[in-house]
Amino acid sequence: METAKQSKLCGHVRKWVGEKGWGLINSYAPGGILQKYFVHITSLVPTSATPALGCRVLFVEGPPRSDGELPVALEVEVISASNGKDAGGVE
C-alpha cells in the first residue's frame, strides 16, 4: 500500500545550540496557533545550511520522541538566513 507524502511545514528557528546540535522551531498552524518543534542536526537534509537563530525552515512533522516532549521536525531544510537572504547563496 502506498502512503501519502506529508506536506512540509514552514517555520523559523527560535533557538539553536550549535555545540550540542539541536534547536527549537516555531511554526504557526492554521488559525494562528503556535506549535513548537524539537530539531536535531541529524534531521537536516544533506544539502541544507546549518540553522541559525531566526532563519526560515521547511520540515516534516514527526512524533515526539517520548511522552510529554515536543514533536520532532524531520527533513529540515534551511530556506533563508536570519538576515532574510536565501540560504546557501553567494552574497
Protein backbone atom coordinates (compact mmCIF):
# COMPACT_ATOMS: atom_id res chain seq x y z
CA MET A 1 0.00 0.00 0.00
CA GLU A 2 1.31 3.44 -0.94
CA THR A 3 1.27 6.12 1.75
CA ALA A 4 0.63 9.79 1.08
CA LYS A 5 3.68 12.03 1.32
CA GLN A 6 3.46 14.50 4.19
CA SER A 7 3.43 18.14 3.23
CA LYS A 8 6.20 20.34 4.55
CA LEU A 9 5.55 22.95 7.19
CA CYS A 10 7.24 26.34 7.34
CA GLY A 11 8.71 27.81 10.50
CA HIS A 12 11.65 29.68 11.94
CA VAL A 13 14.44 28.71 14.30
CA ARG A 14 13.80 30.26 17.71
CA LYS A 15 16.79 28.61 19.40
CA TRP A 16 19.90 26.86 18.06
CA VAL A 17 22.58 25.30 20.27
CA GLY A 18 25.33 24.64 17.73
CA GLU A 19 27.75 22.95 20.10
CA LYS A 20 25.05 20.42 21.03
CA GLY A 21 23.49 20.17 17.55
CA TRP A 22 19.88 20.84 18.47
CA GLY A 23 17.33 23.61 18.47
CA LEU A 24 13.70 24.64 18.55
CA ILE A 25 11.45 25.71 15.69
CA ASN A 26 8.28 27.82 15.89
CA SER A 27 5.57 27.23 13.31
CA TYR A 28 2.02 28.51 13.10
CA ALA A 29 -0.80 26.05 12.43
CA PRO A 30 -3.97 27.09 10.62
CA GLY A 31 -5.84 29.55 12.79
CA GLY A 32 -2.62 31.14 14.03
CA ILE A 33 -1.92 28.54 16.73
CA LEU A 34 1.76 28.45 17.69
CA GLN A 35 3.38 24.99 17.60
CA LYS A 36 6.93 24.32 18.80
CA TYR A 37 9.17 21.56 17.42
CA PHE A 38 12.45 19.99 18.50
CA VAL A 39 15.11 19.69 15.78
CA HIS A 40 18.38 17.75 15.85
CA ILE A 41 21.23 18.36 13.42
CA THR A 42 20.80 14.80 12.08
CA SER A 43 17.34 15.83 10.82
CA LEU A 44 18.76 18.37 8.36
CA VAL A 45 18.66 17.44 4.69
CA PRO A 46 22.24 16.88 3.44
CA THR A 47 22.33 19.95 1.19
CA SER A 48 20.95 22.32 3.83
CA ALA A 49 22.87 25.09 5.57
CA THR A 50 23.39 24.94 9.33
CA PRO A 51 20.47 26.61 11.11
CA ALA A 52 20.90 29.97 12.82
CA LEU A 53 18.62 31.94 15.09
CA GLY A 54 15.73 33.40 13.10
CA CYS A 55 16.29 31.52 9.84
CA ARG A 56 13.29 30.12 7.96
CA VAL A 57 12.99 26.36 7.53
CA LEU A 58 10.79 23.80 5.82
CA PHE A 59 10.22 20.50 7.62
CA VAL A 60 8.00 17.47 8.08
CA GLU A 61 6.32 16.96 11.45
CA GLY A 62 7.35 13.82 13.31
CA PRO A 63 6.06 12.39 16.57
CA PRO A 64 7.58 13.33 19.93
CA ARG A 65 10.50 11.13 20.99
CA SER A 66 8.64 10.29 24.20
CA ASP A 67 5.53 11.31 26.13
CA GLY A 68 5.44 14.93 27.21
CA GLU A 69 8.08 16.10 24.72
CA LEU A 70 7.74 18.39 21.70
CA PRO A 71 7.05 16.89 18.28
CA VAL A 72 10.18 16.44 16.18
CA ALA A 73 11.00 18.34 12.97
CA LEU A 74 12.26 15.94 10.28
CA GLU A 75 13.72 16.50 6.80
CA VAL A 76 14.61 20.07 7.83
CA GLU A 77 15.75 22.42 5.08
CA VAL A 78 17.01 25.94 5.75
CA ILE A 79 15.35 28.18 3.14
CA SER A 80 16.52 31.64 4.24
CA ALA A 81 19.14 33.02 6.55
CA SER A 82 18.23 35.08 9.59
CA ASN A 83 19.08 38.22 7.62
CA GLY A 84 16.36 37.41 5.06
CA LYS A 85 18.72 36.33 2.25
CA ASP A 86 18.39 32.95 0.58
CA ALA A 87 20.31 30.26 2.43
CA GLY A 88 23.30 28.76 0.69
CA GLY A 89 23.51 31.59 -1.81
CA VAL A 90 26.55 33.65 -2.61
CA GLU A 91 26.38 37.25 -1.42
